[in-house]
Amino acid sequence: MGISDEQDDQPGASPAPDAAGVPDAAAARAAAGAPAPQREYRAAELAEAAGITTRTLRFYRERRLLPPPRREGRIAWYTEHHLARLHTIGGLLARGHTLGGIADLLTAFEKGRDSHSAAELLGLGQAVTPPFSEETPVRLTPEELAGHFPGEDTPENLSGTIELGYLAVDGDELVHVSRRLLDASAALVREGIPLAAVLDAAREVRSHVEAIATVFADVISTHLLTGERPAGQIAESVDQLRPYAKQVVDAELAMALDRRVRTEVEAWLTSRPANSPDGSSDSGPADGPAVPG
């Protein structure tokens, strides 16, 4: 059954200010330093702002692509949140998504909103010691995130990224924990590695990195967190050791990658057929055709 909009499609504006000489509510709030209320739209106003028809707006509501509006009697009032959602739907449609696929993505988006806050993702709060991480978080709309991973922005991948702690939902935006991780993931996908495989690898890397972090934490606990050392002195010592811990991991990882990748490439080259795809040959005379016997 459709949603009635008998009053929704009538153009209108918010109540007019008070008569001349009498301060209106907005002026009073501004004078008091209170934040301005969020703008509200009737259906026709919202549709115009989003560049769609009121009929399309009603269709999106019937498909549950929009959250319910606030109602005053038979009049529905929409907010900037609804406008942002309509822009997201338009952006995803332009990228070739179906309405069914968009509904699935938005469901995953809402689940992310419920399971992770941006504050949790970024670890906001007081810290005794300086953070080891120097990552820069990135704010994205859902369609901007889709632009980083063309064809890979599925509900499963979105949910997986949220579960990893790479993404959190903040209002109508997504917050990625790290510009470097976002860029690296996008680069791997551009090279032909499916995003699902990238996320699987990230989970495995996470487990190994946690083990490495435990080694360093044990060293710090055993040799620094002793006696009655002041907290400020401990924080200073940890801060001085921070770059050296990163250097050790970076050097060891680079050498391990050299060994492992070289081994894999050599094994692949050895297993190739005699006539390689590029036309070269691994056997036979190199200077001229063979002479028939």
Protein backbone atom coordinates (compact mmCIF):
# COMPACT_ATOMS: atom_id res chain seq x y z
CA MET A 1 0.00 0.00 0.00
CA GLY A 2 1.41 3.39 -0.96
CA ILE A 3 2.22 6.27 1.36
CA SER A 4 -0.25 9.12 1.31
CA ASP A 5 1.15 12.53 0.47
CA GLU A 6 -2.02 14.54 0.15
CA GLN A 7 -0.44 17.51 1.88
CA ASP A 8 3.20 16.69 1.09
CA ASP A 9 3.29 17.93 -2.48
CA GLN A 10 2.00 21.41 -1.76
CA PRO A 11 4.90 23.87 -1.97
CA GLY A 12 5.43 25.90 1.12
CA ALA A 13 7.95 27.38 3.42
CA SER A 14 8.64 27.37 7.10
CA PRO A 15 6.50 29.79 9.16
CA ALA A 16 7.14 33.45 8.37
CA PRO A 17 9.04 35.60 10.87
CA ASP A 18 7.23 37.83 13.30
CA ALA A 19 5.92 41.22 12.35
CA ALA A 20 8.35 44.08 11.81
CA GLY A 21 9.83 45.38 15.01
CA VAL A 22 9.37 42.09 16.89
CA PRO A 23 12.48 39.89 17.02
CA ASP A 24 11.76 36.54 15.38
CA ALA A 25 12.77 33.21 16.88
CA ALA A 26 15.84 32.82 14.65
CA ALA A 27 17.15 36.26 15.69
CA ALA A 28 16.55 35.43 19.33
CA ARG A 29 18.45 32.16 19.00
CA ALA A 30 21.34 33.88 17.23
CA ALA A 31 21.51 36.55 19.94
CA ALA A 32 21.60 33.84 22.59
CA GLY A 33 24.34 31.96 20.73
CA ALA A 34 22.12 28.90 20.25
CA PRO A 35 22.63 26.77 17.10
CA ALA A 36 20.17 27.32 14.29
CA PRO A 37 17.62 24.50 13.90
CA GLN A 38 18.04 22.08 11.04
CA ARG A 39 16.23 23.19 7.92
CA GLU A 40 13.07 21.29 7.08
CA TYR A 41 11.46 20.75 3.67
CA ARG A 42 8.03 19.82 2.45
CA ALA A 43 7.96 17.07 -0.17
CA ALA A 44 7.92 19.40 -3.17
CA GLU A 45 10.77 21.49 -1.74
CA LEU A 46 12.86 18.39 -1.01
CA ALA A 47 12.27 16.97 -4.48
CA GLU A 48 13.31 20.26 -6.08
CA ALA A 49 16.45 20.49 -3.95
CA ALA A 50 17.38 16.91 -4.91
CA GLY A 51 16.57 17.37 -8.59
CA ILE A 52 13.85 14.72 -8.71
CA THR A 53 10.07 14.70 -9.02
CA THR A 54 7.69 14.31 -6.11
CA ARG A 55 6.50 11.10 -7.73
CA THR A 56 10.07 9.72 -7.56
CA LEU A 57 10.29 10.84 -3.95
CA ARG A 58 7.14 8.92 -3.08
CA PHE A 59 8.50 5.87 -4.93
CA TYR A 60 11.73 5.96 -2.89
CA ARG A 61 9.71 6.19 0.31
CA GLU A 62 7.57 3.22 -0.72
CA ARG A 63 10.77 1.24 -1.38
CA ARG A 64 11.99 2.20 2.11
CA LEU A 65 15.07 3.93 0.68
CA LEU A 66 14.33 6.98 2.85
CA PRO A 67 13.70 7.09 6.60
CA PRO A 68 10.21 8.28 7.57
CA PRO A 69 9.72 12.07 7.72
CA ARG A 70 8.48 13.98 10.74
CA ARG A 71 4.76 14.57 10.56
CA GLU A 72 2.55 17.40 11.68
CA GLY A 73 -0.95 16.16 11.04
CA ARG A 74 -1.01 15.27 7.35
CA ILE A 75 2.08 17.33 6.47
CA ALA A 76 5.44 15.52 6.19
CA TRP A 77 8.62 17.44 7.01
CA TYR A 78 11.99 16.31 5.70
CA THR A 79 15.48 17.32 6.85
CA GLU A 80 18.99 17.70 5.44
CA HIS A 81 19.48 14.02 6.32
CA HIS A 82 16.81 13.08 3.77
CA LEU A 83 18.40 15.38 1.17
CA ALA A 84 21.82 13.78 1.73
CA ARG A 85 20.26 10.34 1.34
CA LEU A 86 18.66 11.36 -1.96
CA HIS A 87 22.03 12.63 -3.23
CA THR A 88 23.58 9.30 -2.23
CA ILE A 89 20.88 7.37 -4.10
CA GLY A 90 21.39 9.55 -7.18
CA GLY A 91 25.15 9.08 -7.07
CA LEU A 92 24.86 5.30 -6.77
CA LEU A 93 22.31 5.13 -9.59
CA ALA A 94 24.71 7.10 -11.79
CA ARG A 95 27.36 4.45 -11.09
CA GLY A 96 25.09 1.70 -12.39
CA HIS A 97 23.63 0.34 -9.15
CA THR A 98 20.07 -0.96 -9.16
CA LEU A 99 17.54 0.22 -6.59
CA GLY A 100 17.62 -3.25 -5.05
CA GLY A 101 21.39 -3.09 -4.74
CA ILE A 102 21.19 0.40 -3.28
CA ALA A 103 18.67 -0.82 -0.70
CA ASP A 104 21.12 -3.58 0.33
CA LEU A 105 23.98 -1.08 0.57
CA LEU A 106 21.90 1.30 2.66
CA THR A 107 20.94 -1.56 4.97
CA ALA A 108 24.63 -2.35 5.50
CA PHE A 109 25.24 1.37 5.97
CA GLU A 110 22.59 1.53 8.73
CA LYS A 111 24.00 -1.57 10.42
CA GLY A 112 27.40 0.13 10.43
CA ARG A 113 25.80 3.19 12.01
CA ASP A 114 24.50 0.96 14.82
CA SER A 115 27.66 -1.08 15.38
CA HIS A 116 30.50 1.45 15.18
CA SER A 117 30.66 5.13 15.95
CA ALA A 118 33.31 7.40 14.52
CA ALA A 119 34.60 8.03 18.03
CA GLU A 120 35.10 4.30 18.57
CA LEU A 121 36.83 3.93 15.22
CA LEU A 122 39.25 6.78 15.84
CA GLY A 123 39.85 5.82 19.48
CA LEU A 124 38.95 9.25 20.76
CA GLY A 125 39.65 9.79 24.43
CA GLN A 126 42.47 10.55 26.76
CA ALA A 127 45.69 8.61 26.26
CA VAL A 128 48.47 8.28 28.82
CA THR A 129 51.15 7.87 26.16
CA PRO A 130 51.50 9.42 22.69
CA PRO A 131 49.84 7.26 20.00
CA PHE A 132 52.02 5.02 17.85
CA SER A 133 49.64 5.44 14.93
CA GLU A 134 49.92 8.56 12.80
CA GLU A 135 47.08 7.75 10.42
CA THR A 136 44.87 10.45 8.91
CA PRO A 137 41.16 9.58 8.88
CA VAL A 138 39.12 10.30 5.74
CA ARG A 139 35.47 11.38 5.57
CA LEU A 140 33.54 10.00 2.60
CA THR A 141 30.00 9.86 1.32
CA PRO A 142 28.83 6.37 0.27
CA GLU A 143 29.11 7.34 -3.41
CA GLU A 144 32.66 8.65 -2.90
CA LEU A 145 33.60 5.34 -1.31
CA ALA A 146 32.05 3.53 -4.28
CA GLY A 147 34.24 5.64 -6.57
CA HIS A 148 37.38 4.21 -4.92
CA PHE A 149 36.26 0.62 -5.59
CA PRO A 150 34.32 0.47 -8.90
CA GLY A 151 32.23 -2.66 -9.09
CA GLU A 152 33.40 -3.81 -5.65
CA ASP A 153 31.08 -1.72 -3.46
CA THR A 154 28.81 -4.57 -2.40
CA PRO A 155 26.95 -4.89 0.92
CA GLU A 156 29.23 -7.80 1.85
CA ASN A 157 32.40 -5.76 1.27
CA LEU A 158 30.96 -2.75 3.09
CA SER A 159 30.03 -4.92 6.08
CA GLY A 160 33.44 -6.58 6.03
CA THR A 161 35.22 -3.22 6.02
CA ILE A 162 33.12 -2.03 8.97
CA GLU A 163 33.76 -5.27 10.89
CA LEU A 164 37.52 -4.82 10.37
CA GLY A 165 37.27 -1.40 11.97
CA TYR A 166 38.38 0.41 8.83
CA LEU A 167 35.05 2.21 8.47
CA ALA A 168 32.53 3.79 10.81
CA VAL A 169 29.36 5.74 10.16
CA ASP A 170 29.07 9.32 11.34
CA GLY A 171 25.74 10.86 10.40
CA ASP A 172 25.39 10.59 6.63
CA GLU A 173 29.12 10.11 6.07
CA LEU A 174 31.58 7.26 6.38
CA VAL A 175 34.87 7.72 8.21
CA HIS A 176 37.82 5.60 7.06
CA VAL A 177 40.44 5.18 9.76
CA SER A 178 43.44 5.68 7.48
CA ARG A 179 44.15 7.54 4.25
CA ARG A 180 47.11 5.21 3.64
CA LEU A 181 45.03 2.05 4.06
CA LEU A 182 42.27 3.45 1.86
CA ASP A 183 44.73 4.36 -0.91
CA ALA A 184 46.55 1.02 -0.64
CA SER A 185 43.30 -0.97 -0.81
CA ALA A 186 42.11 1.01 -3.84
CA ALA A 187 45.47 0.48 -5.58
CA LEU A 188 45.32 -3.29 -5.02
CA VAL A 189 41.80 -3.41 -6.46
CA ARG A 190 42.92 -1.39 -9.51
CA GLU A 191 45.63 -4.00 -10.10
CA GLY A 192 42.97 -6.69 -10.34
CA ILE A 193 42.79 -8.08 -6.80
CA PRO A 194 39.15 -8.39 -5.64
CA LEU A 195 38.28 -6.25 -2.65
CA ALA A 196 37.01 -9.35 -0.82
CA ALA A 197 40.51 -10.86 -1.17
CA VAL A 198 42.09 -7.62 0.05
CA LEU A 199 39.86 -7.69 3.13
CA ASP A 200 40.66 -11.37 3.77
CA ALA A 201 44.37 -10.55 3.60
CA ALA A 202 43.83 -7.58 5.93
CA ARG A 203 42.24 -9.87 8.53
CA GLU A 204 45.22 -12.21 8.39
CA VAL A 205 47.71 -9.34 8.52
CA ARG A 206 45.81 -7.95 11.51
CA SER A 207 46.31 -11.18 13.48
CA HIS A 208 50.06 -11.23 12.77
CA VAL A 209 50.46 -7.53 13.53
CA GLU A 210 48.66 -7.99 16.85
CA ALA A 211 51.20 -10.71 17.69
CA ILE A 212 54.08 -8.36 16.81
CA ALA A 213 52.54 -5.58 18.89
CA THR A 214 52.28 -8.02 21.82
CA VAL A 215 56.04 -8.69 21.59
CA PHE A 216 56.85 -4.97 21.84
CA ALA A 217 54.27 -4.41 24.59
CA ASP A 218 55.80 -7.27 26.61
CA VAL A 219 59.27 -5.74 26.24
CA ILE A 220 57.97 -2.36 27.41
CA SER A 221 56.06 -3.92 30.30
CA THR A 222 59.03 -5.99 31.44
CA HIS A 223 61.73 -3.34 31.18
CA LEU A 224 60.03 0.05 31.47
CA LEU A 225 56.95 -0.39 33.65
CA THR A 226 58.95 -1.15 36.77
CA GLY A 227 59.48 0.45 40.14
CA GLU A 228 58.01 3.82 40.93
CA ARG A 229 58.82 5.64 37.73
CA PRO A 230 56.63 8.70 37.17
CA ALA A 231 54.00 8.38 34.46
CA GLY A 232 55.46 11.36 32.60
CA GLN A 233 58.88 9.69 32.42
CA ILE A 234 57.36 6.46 31.11
CA ALA A 235 55.40 8.35 28.46
CA GLU A 236 58.60 10.08 27.35
CA SER A 237 60.48 6.78 27.12
CA VAL A 238 57.71 5.14 25.09
CA ASP A 239 57.60 8.14 22.77
CA GLN A 240 61.34 7.86 22.14
CA LEU A 241 61.10 4.14 21.43
CA ARG A 242 58.13 4.50 19.06
CA PRO A 243 60.09 5.22 15.82
CA TYR A 244 62.57 2.42 16.53
CA ALA A 245 59.79 -0.15 16.92
CA LYS A 246 58.42 0.92 13.55
CA GLN A 247 61.88 0.76 11.97
CA VAL A 248 62.40 -2.80 13.19
CA VAL A 249 59.07 -3.97 11.80
CA ASP A 250 59.55 -2.11 8.50
CA ALA A 251 63.05 -3.55 7.98
CA GLU A 252 62.05 -7.10 8.88
CA LEU A 253 58.94 -6.95 6.69
CA ALA A 254 60.91 -5.60 3.73
CA MET A 255 63.51 -8.38 3.99
CA ALA A 256 60.83 -11.05 4.43
CA LEU A 257 58.95 -9.75 1.37
CA ASP A 258 62.17 -9.86 -0.65
CA ARG A 259 62.65 -13.51 0.27
CA ARG A 260 59.06 -14.62 -0.18
CA VAL A 261 58.23 -12.70 -3.36
CA ARG A 262 61.50 -13.71 -5.00
CA THR A 263 60.75 -17.35 -4.22
CA GLU A 264 57.22 -17.10 -5.65
CA VAL A 265 58.36 -15.33 -8.83
CA GLU A 266 61.18 -17.82 -9.42
CA ALA A 267 58.79 -20.75 -8.94
CA TRP A 268 56.32 -19.17 -11.38
CA LEU A 269 59.04 -18.61 -13.99
CA THR A 270 60.24 -22.19 -13.63
CA SER A 271 56.74 -23.56 -14.12
CA ARG A 272 56.09 -21.60 -17.34
CA PRO A 273 55.90 -23.54 -20.63
CA ALA A 274 58.86 -23.46 -22.99
CA ASN A 275 57.21 -20.89 -25.26
CA SER A 276 56.23 -18.00 -22.98
CA PRO A 277 53.29 -15.71 -23.80
CA ASP A 278 55.61 -12.89 -24.84
CA GLY A 279 57.01 -15.00 -27.67
CA SER A 280 60.39 -15.77 -26.08
CA SER A 281 61.64 -19.35 -25.83
CA ASP A 282 63.40 -20.94 -22.90
CA SER A 283 65.16 -23.54 -25.09
CA GLY A 284 66.50 -24.06 -28.59
CA PRO A 285 69.07 -22.11 -30.64
CA ALA A 286 69.03 -18.37 -30.11
CA ASP A 287 70.61 -17.35 -33.45
CA GLY A 288 68.57 -18.36 -36.47
CA PRO A 289 66.22 -21.20 -37.46
CA ALA A 290 67.15 -24.80 -36.95
CA VAL A 291 68.62 -26.66 -39.95
CA PRO A 292 66.59 -29.74 -40.97
CA GLY A 293 68.46 -32.99 -40.50
